[in-house]
Amino acid sequence: MGVAGARERIHLVIEASISTVHMTNWYLVWVEGLRGPEPQKWSDDALWGQRGRTDVIVRFALSEREASMSLDQLARLHPVPPG
């Protein structure tokens, strides 16, 4: 294998590594619902698309462990702030 072939192979390995390393970050987001504050779980992608929403009360970044929890568990762990 020549130098060009080795570079091409390294490039492909790096691309594959980068595409598999991306991890989704999760957030617990409290929004103003019809009956009061409502918890929702959003990913980075959803958060980016919702930046302009005016009904968001607060958002909490979740750890990997918290990201696997139910909304009920997260709501108890990160309650909506008073006010």
Protein backbone atom coordinates (compact mmCIF):
# COMPACT_ATOMS: atom_id res chain seq x y z
CA MET A 1 0.00 0.00 0.00
CA GLY A 2 1.42 3.37 -0.97
CA VAL A 3 1.34 6.61 1.02
CA ALA A 4 -1.82 7.80 -0.76
CA GLY A 5 -3.61 4.54 0.06
CA ALA A 6 -2.54 4.73 3.71
CA ARG A 7 -3.80 8.34 3.96
CA GLU A 8 -7.13 7.35 2.43
CA ARG A 9 -7.50 4.50 4.92
CA ILE A 10 -6.67 6.77 7.88
CA HIS A 11 -9.17 9.34 6.59
CA LEU A 12 -11.93 6.69 6.44
CA VAL A 13 -11.14 5.44 9.96
CA ILE A 14 -11.27 8.99 11.34
CA GLU A 15 -14.60 9.68 9.60
CA ALA A 16 -16.09 6.46 11.01
CA SER A 17 -14.86 7.32 14.51
CA ILE A 18 -16.31 10.82 14.39
CA SER A 19 -19.70 9.59 13.20
CA THR A 20 -19.99 7.04 16.01
CA VAL A 21 -18.71 9.30 18.81
CA HIS A 22 -21.60 11.79 18.66
CA MET A 23 -23.69 11.38 21.78
CA THR A 24 -27.10 12.93 22.23
CA ASN A 25 -27.44 15.24 25.21
CA TRP A 26 -30.81 15.22 26.95
CA TYR A 27 -32.64 17.92 28.93
CA LEU A 28 -35.60 18.02 31.26
CA VAL A 29 -37.59 21.05 30.15
CA TRP A 30 -40.47 22.55 32.13
CA VAL A 31 -43.00 24.34 29.89
CA GLU A 32 -46.22 26.19 30.64
CA GLY A 33 -48.96 23.66 29.88
CA LEU A 34 -52.72 24.15 29.76
CA ARG A 35 -53.02 23.04 33.39
CA GLY A 36 -49.75 24.45 34.74
CA PRO A 37 -46.09 23.50 34.45
CA GLU A 38 -45.47 20.36 32.41
CA PRO A 39 -42.19 18.36 32.24
CA GLN A 40 -40.83 17.26 28.86
CA LYS A 41 -37.61 15.50 27.83
CA TRP A 42 -35.81 17.07 24.85
CA SER A 43 -32.68 16.04 22.96
CA ASP A 44 -30.09 18.49 21.64
CA ASP A 45 -31.80 18.39 18.25
CA ALA A 46 -35.20 19.24 19.70
CA LEU A 47 -33.70 21.94 21.91
CA TRP A 48 -32.10 23.64 18.92
CA GLY A 49 -35.42 23.76 17.07
CA GLN A 50 -37.30 25.13 20.11
CA ARG A 51 -35.00 28.01 21.10
CA GLY A 52 -37.57 30.73 20.40
CA ARG A 53 -40.40 29.22 22.47
CA THR A 54 -41.81 31.58 25.07
CA ASP A 55 -43.51 28.89 27.18
CA VAL A 56 -40.24 27.36 28.48
CA ILE A 57 -39.90 27.92 32.23
CA VAL A 58 -36.53 26.22 32.84
CA ARG A 59 -34.35 23.44 31.45
CA PHE A 60 -31.99 21.06 33.24
CA ALA A 61 -29.14 19.24 31.48
CA LEU A 62 -29.36 15.52 32.27
CA SER A 63 -26.55 13.09 33.04
CA GLU A 64 -26.41 9.75 31.19
CA ARG A 65 -28.07 8.08 34.19
CA GLU A 66 -30.82 10.70 34.38
CA ALA A 67 -31.46 10.53 30.61
CA SER A 68 -32.75 6.97 31.04
CA MET A 69 -35.21 7.94 33.82
CA SER A 70 -38.95 8.46 33.37
CA LEU A 71 -40.50 11.92 33.36
CA ASP A 72 -42.03 11.27 36.78
CA GLN A 73 -38.62 10.46 38.25
CA LEU A 74 -37.03 13.49 36.60
CA ALA A 75 -39.81 15.81 37.78
CA ARG A 76 -39.18 14.71 41.38
CA LEU A 77 -35.42 15.09 40.95
CA HIS A 78 -35.64 18.50 39.22
CA PRO A 79 -38.89 20.17 40.31
CA VAL A 80 -40.17 23.29 38.60
CA PRO A 81 -38.87 26.37 40.43
CA PRO A 82 -41.43 28.27 42.51
CA GLY A 83 -42.77 31.44 41.06
